[in-house]
Amino acid sequence: MATVSGDWIKKLPLDSQIEIYENIVRKDYTQVELAKIQSELKDEFSKHTEQGRRTDLEGPCLRPRTRPSSRG
């Protein structure tokens, strides 16, 4: 594992310090971890889609027509 020495890092903004630290100590995800993350993301994204819904027929000028009743 790489190490960072010196006081130069302490002069950076806190978010930059955290980012550098995370990049130094981070390990790659295993295939099982990646699959779990992907599955969770797909589940979450699917909550925010309207798959199968026609979006090209929306708007005030494209309302369904009403037919006059032939029954009196």
PDB file of N, CA and C in Angstrom:
ATOM      1  N   MET A   1       0.844  -1.174   0.000  1.00  0.00           N
ATOM      2  CA  MET A   1       0.000   0.000   0.000  1.00  0.00           C
ATOM      3  C   MET A   1       0.889   1.237   0.000  1.00  0.00           C
ATOM      4  N   ALA A   2       0.508   2.213  -0.782  1.00  0.00           N
ATOM      5  CA  ALA A   2       1.265   3.465  -0.853  1.00  0.00           C
ATOM      6  C   ALA A   2       0.987   4.306   0.380  1.00  0.00           C
ATOM      7  N   THR A   3       1.915   5.138   0.715  1.00  0.00           N
ATOM      8  CA  THR A   3       1.721   6.050   1.834  1.00  0.00           C
ATOM      9  C   THR A   3       1.983   7.473   1.371  1.00  0.00           C
ATOM     10  N   VAL A   4       1.386   8.410   2.049  1.00  0.00           N
ATOM     11  CA  VAL A   4       1.583   9.818   1.738  1.00  0.00           C
ATOM     12  C   VAL A   4       2.281  10.449   2.935  1.00  0.00           C
ATOM     13  N   SER A   5       3.402  11.080   2.678  1.00  0.00           N
ATOM     14  CA  SER A   5       4.110  11.739   3.767  1.00  0.00           C
ATOM     15  C   SER A   5       4.204  13.228   3.487  1.00  0.00           C
ATOM     16  N   GLY A   6       4.389  13.997   4.516  1.00  0.00           N
ATOM     17  CA  GLY A   6       4.531  15.434   4.354  1.00  0.00           C
ATOM     18  C   GLY A   6       3.300  16.172   4.804  1.00  0.00           C
ATOM     19  N   ASP A   7       3.473  17.440   5.009  1.00  0.00           N
ATOM     20  CA  ASP A   7       2.369  18.273   5.464  1.00  0.00           C
ATOM     21  C   ASP A   7       1.608  18.925   4.314  1.00  0.00           C
ATOM     22  N   TRP A   8       2.050  18.699   3.082  1.00  0.00           N
ATOM     23  CA  TRP A   8       1.401  19.350   1.944  1.00  0.00           C
ATOM     24  C   TRP A   8      -0.056  18.941   1.822  1.00  0.00           C
ATOM     25  N   ILE A   9      -0.368  17.697   2.177  1.00  0.00           N
ATOM     26  CA  ILE A   9      -1.752  17.237   2.045  1.00  0.00           C
ATOM     27  C   ILE A   9      -2.668  17.956   3.025  1.00  0.00           C
ATOM     28  N   LYS A  10      -2.144  18.355   4.163  1.00  0.00           N
ATOM     29  CA  LYS A  10      -2.953  19.050   5.172  1.00  0.00           C
ATOM     30  C   LYS A  10      -3.328  20.459   4.730  1.00  0.00           C
ATOM     31  N   LYS A  11      -2.661  20.972   3.722  1.00  0.00           N
ATOM     32  CA  LYS A  11      -2.952  22.312   3.211  1.00  0.00           C
ATOM     33  C   LYS A  11      -4.107  22.308   2.211  1.00  0.00           C
ATOM     34  N   LEU A  12      -4.473  21.117   1.751  1.00  0.00           N
ATOM     35  CA  LEU A  12      -5.571  20.989   0.783  1.00  0.00           C
ATOM     36  C   LEU A  12      -6.914  21.091   1.490  1.00  0.00           C
ATOM     37  N   PRO A  13      -7.966  21.415   0.743  1.00  0.00           N
ATOM     38  CA  PRO A  13      -9.309  21.389   1.328  1.00  0.00           C
ATOM     39  C   PRO A  13      -9.640  19.975   1.816  1.00  0.00           C
ATOM     40  N   LEU A  14     -10.501  19.883   2.815  1.00  0.00           N
ATOM     41  CA  LEU A  14     -10.821  18.598   3.431  1.00  0.00           C
ATOM     42  C   LEU A  14     -11.348  17.587   2.421  1.00  0.00           C
ATOM     43  N   ASP A  15     -12.224  18.015   1.504  1.00  0.00           N
ATOM     44  CA  ASP A  15     -12.771  17.062   0.539  1.00  0.00           C
ATOM     45  C   ASP A  15     -11.678  16.502  -0.375  1.00  0.00           C
ATOM     46  N   SER A  16     -10.675  17.301  -0.698  1.00  0.00           N
ATOM     47  CA  SER A  16      -9.550  16.805  -1.505  1.00  0.00           C
ATOM     48  C   SER A  16      -8.698  15.832  -0.701  1.00  0.00           C
ATOM     49  N   GLN A  17      -8.495  16.121   0.579  1.00  0.00           N
ATOM     50  CA  GLN A  17      -7.741  15.210   1.436  1.00  0.00           C
ATOM     51  C   GLN A  17      -8.429  13.849   1.514  1.00  0.00           C
ATOM     52  N   ILE A  18      -9.742  13.876   1.679  1.00  0.00           N
ATOM     53  CA  ILE A  18     -10.508  12.632   1.773  1.00  0.00           C
ATOM     54  C   ILE A  18     -10.421  11.852   0.471  1.00  0.00           C
ATOM     55  N   GLU A  19     -10.563  12.547  -0.656  1.00  0.00           N
ATOM     56  CA  GLU A  19     -10.491  11.891  -1.966  1.00  0.00           C
ATOM     57  C   GLU A  19      -9.139  11.220  -2.178  1.00  0.00           C
ATOM     58  N   ILE A  20      -8.060  11.892  -1.830  1.00  0.00           N
ATOM     59  CA  ILE A  20      -6.716  11.329  -1.986  1.00  0.00           C
ATOM     60  C   ILE A  20      -6.556  10.115  -1.088  1.00  0.00           C
ATOM     61  N   TYR A  21      -6.999  10.224   0.150  1.00  0.00           N
ATOM     62  CA  TYR A  21      -6.885   9.100   1.081  1.00  0.00           C
ATOM     63  C   TYR A  21      -7.656   7.890   0.577  1.00  0.00           C
ATOM     64  N   GLU A  22      -8.897   8.126   0.100  1.00  0.00           N
ATOM     65  CA  GLU A  22      -9.704   7.019  -0.418  1.00  0.00           C
ATOM     66  C   GLU A  22      -9.026   6.342  -1.604  1.00  0.00           C
ATOM     67  N   ASN A  23      -8.418   7.131  -2.486  1.00  0.00           N
ATOM     68  CA  ASN A  23      -7.758   6.566  -3.654  1.00  0.00           C
ATOM     69  C   ASN A  23      -6.519   5.762  -3.284  1.00  0.00           C
ATOM     70  N   ILE A  24      -5.870   6.125  -2.199  1.00  0.00           N
ATOM     71  CA  ILE A  24      -4.662   5.409  -1.786  1.00  0.00           C
ATOM     72  C   ILE A  24      -5.012   4.073  -1.135  1.00  0.00           C
ATOM     73  N   VAL A  25      -6.012   4.048  -0.264  1.00  0.00           N
ATOM     74  CA  VAL A  25      -6.303   2.842   0.522  1.00  0.00           C
ATOM     75  C   VAL A  25      -7.382   1.956  -0.096  1.00  0.00           C
ATOM     76  N   ARG A  26      -8.019   2.411  -1.126  1.00  0.00           N
ATOM     77  CA  ARG A  26      -9.134   1.662  -1.729  1.00  0.00           C
ATOM     78  C   ARG A  26      -8.659   0.370  -2.367  1.00  0.00           C
ATOM     79  N   LYS A  27      -9.500  -0.656  -2.276  1.00  0.00           N
ATOM     80  CA  LYS A  27      -9.231  -1.906  -2.976  1.00  0.00           C
ATOM     81  C   LYS A  27     -10.315  -2.113  -4.030  1.00  0.00           C
ATOM     82  N   ASP A  28     -10.014  -2.889  -5.021  1.00  0.00           N
ATOM     83  CA  ASP A  28     -10.996  -3.160  -6.061  1.00  0.00           C
ATOM     84  C   ASP A  28     -12.096  -4.064  -5.513  1.00  0.00           C
ATOM     85  N   TYR A  29     -13.304  -3.891  -6.040  1.00  0.00           N
ATOM     86  CA  TYR A  29     -14.422  -4.742  -5.656  1.00  0.00           C
ATOM     87  C   TYR A  29     -14.241  -6.130  -6.254  1.00  0.00           C
ATOM     88  N   THR A  30     -14.719  -7.142  -5.545  1.00  0.00           N
ATOM     89  CA  THR A  30     -14.717  -8.498  -6.090  1.00  0.00           C
ATOM     90  C   THR A  30     -15.875  -8.616  -7.078  1.00  0.00           C
ATOM     91  N   GLN A  31     -15.896  -9.692  -7.859  1.00  0.00           N
ATOM     92  CA  GLN A  31     -16.979  -9.887  -8.814  1.00  0.00           C
ATOM     93  C   GLN A  31     -18.325 -10.013  -8.107  1.00  0.00           C
ATOM     94  N   VAL A  32     -18.347 -10.655  -6.955  1.00  0.00           N
ATOM     95  CA  VAL A  32     -19.587 -10.816  -6.195  1.00  0.00           C
ATOM     96  C   VAL A  32     -20.074  -9.454  -5.700  1.00  0.00           C
ATOM     97  N   GLU A  33     -19.165  -8.629  -5.201  1.00  0.00           N
ATOM     98  CA  GLU A  33     -19.534  -7.290  -4.747  1.00  0.00           C
ATOM     99  C   GLU A  33     -20.060  -6.440  -5.897  1.00  0.00           C
ATOM    100  N   LEU A  34     -19.402  -6.512  -7.056  1.00  0.00           N
ATOM    101  CA  LEU A  34     -19.862  -5.761  -8.226  1.00  0.00           C
ATOM    102  C   LEU A  34     -21.258  -6.209  -8.660  1.00  0.00           C
ATOM    103  N   ALA A  35     -21.511  -7.520  -8.646  1.00  0.00           N
ATOM    104  CA  ALA A  35     -22.816  -8.041  -9.035  1.00  0.00           C
ATOM    105  C   ALA A  35     -23.904  -7.562  -8.076  1.00  0.00           C
ATOM    106  N   LYS A  36     -23.597  -7.533  -6.793  1.00  0.00           N
ATOM    107  CA  LYS A  36     -24.573  -7.072  -5.801  1.00  0.00           C
ATOM    108  C   LYS A  36     -24.877  -5.589  -5.996  1.00  0.00           C
ATOM    109  N   ILE A  37     -23.846  -4.791  -6.208  1.00  0.00           N
ATOM    110  CA  ILE A  37     -24.034  -3.356  -6.436  1.00  0.00           C
ATOM    111  C   ILE A  37     -24.864  -3.127  -7.694  1.00  0.00           C
ATOM    112  N   GLN A  38     -24.542  -3.859  -8.758  1.00  0.00           N
ATOM    113  CA  GLN A  38     -25.278  -3.712 -10.018  1.00  0.00           C
ATOM    114  C   GLN A  38     -26.752  -4.071  -9.827  1.00  0.00           C
ATOM    115  N   SER A  39     -27.010  -5.147  -9.109  1.00  0.00           N
ATOM    116  CA  SER A  39     -28.385  -5.564  -8.871  1.00  0.00           C
ATOM    117  C   SER A  39     -29.158  -4.514  -8.080  1.00  0.00           C
ATOM    118  N   GLU A  40     -28.529  -3.967  -7.049  1.00  0.00           N
ATOM    119  CA  GLU A  40     -29.183  -2.937  -6.239  1.00  0.00           C
ATOM    120  C   GLU A  40     -29.458  -1.677  -7.050  1.00  0.00           C
ATOM    121  N   LEU A  41     -28.505  -1.297  -7.910  1.00  0.00           N
ATOM    122  CA  LEU A  41     -28.707  -0.116  -8.748  1.00  0.00           C
ATOM    123  C   LEU A  41     -29.829  -0.337  -9.756  1.00  0.00           C
ATOM    124  N   LYS A  42     -29.880  -1.521 -10.364  1.00  0.00           N
ATOM    125  CA  LYS A  42     -30.943  -1.814 -11.324  1.00  0.00           C
ATOM    126  C   LYS A  42     -32.304  -1.755 -10.652  1.00  0.00           C
ATOM    127  N   ASP A  43     -32.393  -2.311  -9.427  1.00  0.00           N
ATOM    128  CA  ASP A  43     -33.661  -2.268  -8.697  1.00  0.00           C
ATOM    129  C   ASP A  43     -34.077  -0.826  -8.410  1.00  0.00           C
ATOM    130  N   GLU A  44     -33.126  -0.007  -8.004  1.00  0.00           N
ATOM    131  CA  GLU A  44     -33.431   1.388  -7.684  1.00  0.00           C
ATOM    132  C   GLU A  44     -33.814   2.165  -8.939  1.00  0.00           C
ATOM    133  N   PHE A  45     -33.076   1.997 -10.025  1.00  0.00           N
ATOM    134  CA  PHE A  45     -33.382   2.709 -11.261  1.00  0.00           C
ATOM    135  C   PHE A  45     -34.730   2.292 -11.839  1.00  0.00           C
ATOM    136  N   SER A  46     -35.102   1.032 -11.671  1.00  0.00           N
ATOM    137  CA  SER A  46     -36.369   0.564 -12.222  1.00  0.00           C
ATOM    138  C   SER A  46     -37.556   1.227 -11.535  1.00  0.00           C
ATOM    139  N   LYS A  47     -37.363   1.732 -10.331  1.00  0.00           N
ATOM    140  CA  LYS A  47     -38.433   2.439  -9.637  1.00  0.00           C
ATOM    141  C   LYS A  47     -38.722   3.784 -10.283  1.00  0.00           C
ATOM    142  N   HIS A  48     -37.781   4.302 -11.046  1.00  0.00           N
ATOM    143  CA  HIS A  48     -37.893   5.642 -11.605  1.00  0.00           C
ATOM    144  C   HIS A  48     -38.106   5.634 -13.114  1.00  0.00           C
ATOM    145  N   THR A  49     -38.561   4.523 -13.657  1.00  0.00           N
ATOM    146  CA  THR A  49     -38.824   4.449 -15.092  1.00  0.00           C
ATOM    147  C   THR A  49     -40.296   4.163 -15.322  1.00  0.00           C
ATOM    148  N   GLU A  50     -40.724   4.427 -16.505  1.00  0.00           N
ATOM    149  CA  GLU A  50     -42.093   4.133 -16.909  1.00  0.00           C
ATOM    150  C   GLU A  50     -42.039   3.286 -18.173  1.00  0.00           C
ATOM    151  N   GLN A  51     -41.331   2.196 -18.087  1.00  0.00           N
ATOM    152  CA  GLN A  51     -41.137   1.342 -19.248  1.00  0.00           C
ATOM    153  C   GLN A  51     -42.473   0.826 -19.760  1.00  0.00           C
ATOM    154  N   GLY A  52     -42.663   0.925 -21.056  1.00  0.00           N
ATOM    155  CA  GLY A  52     -43.890   0.471 -21.684  1.00  0.00           C
ATOM    156  C   GLY A  52     -44.956   1.546 -21.802  1.00  0.00           C
ATOM    157  N   ARG A  53     -44.750   2.694 -21.216  1.00  0.00           N
ATOM    158  CA  ARG A  53     -45.727   3.778 -21.281  1.00  0.00           C
ATOM    159  C   ARG A  53     -45.432   4.654 -22.482  1.00  0.00           C
ATOM    160  N   ARG A  54     -46.447   4.976 -23.242  1.00  0.00           N
ATOM    161  CA  ARG A  54     -46.296   5.831 -24.412  1.00  0.00           C
ATOM    162  C   ARG A  54     -46.175   7.270 -23.949  1.00  0.00           C
ATOM    163  N   THR A  55     -45.054   7.886 -24.235  1.00  0.00           N
ATOM    164  CA  THR A  55     -44.863   9.281 -23.856  1.00  0.00           C
ATOM    165  C   THR A  55     -45.040  10.213 -25.044  1.00  0.00           C
ATOM    166  N   ASP A  56     -45.181   9.665 -26.241  1.00  0.00           N
ATOM    167  CA  ASP A  56     -45.337  10.505 -27.426  1.00  0.00           C
ATOM    168  C   ASP A  56     -46.785  10.947 -27.626  1.00  0.00           C
ATOM    169  N   LEU A  57     -47.694  10.441 -26.827  1.00  0.00           N
ATOM    170  CA  LEU A  57     -49.104  10.793 -26.972  1.00  0.00           C
ATOM    171  C   LEU A  57     -49.599  11.655 -25.820  1.00  0.00           C
ATOM    172  N   GLU A  58     -48.704  12.393 -25.201  1.00  0.00           N
ATOM    173  CA  GLU A  58     -49.093  13.242 -24.087  1.00  0.00           C
ATOM    174  C   GLU A  58     -49.242  14.681 -24.556  1.00  0.00           C
ATOM    175  N   GLY A  59     -49.952  15.448 -23.800  1.00  0.00           N
ATOM    176  CA  GLY A  59     -50.109  16.862 -24.100  1.00  0.00           C
ATOM    177  C   GLY A  59     -51.564  17.214 -24.286  1.00  0.00           C
ATOM    178  N   PRO A  60     -51.899  18.491 -24.156  1.00  0.00           N
ATOM    179  CA  PRO A  60     -53.298  18.907 -24.211  1.00  0.00           C
ATOM    180  C   PRO A  60     -53.938  18.718 -25.587  1.00  0.00           C
ATOM    181  N   CYS A  61     -53.189  18.831 -26.663  1.00  0.00           N
ATOM    182  CA  CYS A  61     -53.793  18.709 -27.992  1.00  0.00           C
ATOM    183  C   CYS A  61     -53.914  17.255 -28.425  1.00  0.00           C
ATOM    184  N   LEU A  62     -53.399  16.334 -27.661  1.00  0.00           N
ATOM    185  CA  LEU A  62     -53.447  14.927 -28.039  1.00  0.00           C
ATOM    186  C   LEU A  62     -54.329  14.109 -27.098  1.00  0.00           C
ATOM    187  N   ARG A  63     -55.310  14.754 -26.509  1.00  0.00           N
ATOM    188  CA  ARG A  63     -56.226  14.037 -25.626  1.00  0.00           C
ATOM    189  C   ARG A  63     -57.068  13.072 -26.458  1.00  0.00           C
ATOM    190  N   PRO A  64     -57.481  11.976 -25.844  1.00  0.00           N
ATOM    191  CA  PRO A  64     -58.349  11.042 -26.594  1.00  0.00           C
ATOM    192  C   PRO A  64     -59.642  11.725 -27.003  1.00  0.00           C
ATOM    193  N   ARG A  65     -60.087  11.416 -28.206  1.00  0.00           N
ATOM    194  CA  ARG A  65     -61.334  12.000 -28.696  1.00  0.00           C
ATOM    195  C   ARG A  65     -62.534  11.311 -28.033  1.00  0.00           C
ATOM    196  N   THR A  66     -63.562  12.090 -27.816  1.00  0.00           N
ATOM    197  CA  THR A  66     -64.795  11.509 -27.309  1.00  0.00           C
ATOM    198  C   THR A  66     -65.795  11.502 -28.444  1.00  0.00           C
ATOM    199  N   ARG A  67     -66.418  10.369 -28.620  1.00  0.00           N
ATOM    200  CA  ARG A  67     -67.404  10.242 -29.685  1.00  0.00           C
ATOM    201  C   ARG A  67     -68.789  10.591 -29.134  1.00  0.00           C
ATOM    202  N   PRO A  68     -69.557  11.276 -29.942  1.00  0.00           N
ATOM    203  CA  PRO A  68     -70.924  11.541 -29.483  1.00  0.00           C
ATOM    204  C   PRO A  68     -71.716  10.232 -29.414  1.00  0.00           C
ATOM    205  N   SER A  69     -72.525  10.164 -28.448  1.00  0.00           N
ATOM    206  CA  SER A  69     -73.312   8.929 -28.243  1.00  0.00           C
ATOM    207  C   SER A  69     -74.390   8.841 -29.321  1.00  0.00           C
ATOM    208  N   SER A  70     -74.519   7.658 -29.927  1.00  0.00           N
ATOM    209  CA  SER A  70     -75.561   7.467 -30.936  1.00  0.00           C
ATOM    210  C   SER A  70     -76.868   7.068 -30.271  1.00  0.00           C
ATOM    211  N   ARG A  71     -76.804   6.780 -29.010  1.00  0.00           N
ATOM    212  CA  ARG A  71     -78.012   6.403 -28.286  1.00  0.00           C
ATOM    213  C   ARG A  71     -78.654   7.681 -27.731  1.00  0.00           C
ATOM    214  N   GLY A  72     -79.916   7.801 -27.884  1.00  0.00           N
ATOM    215  CA  GLY A  72     -80.574   9.018 -27.528  1.00  0.00           C
ATOM    216  C   GLY A  72     -81.294   8.939 -26.287  1.00  0.00           C
TER     217      GLY A  72
END
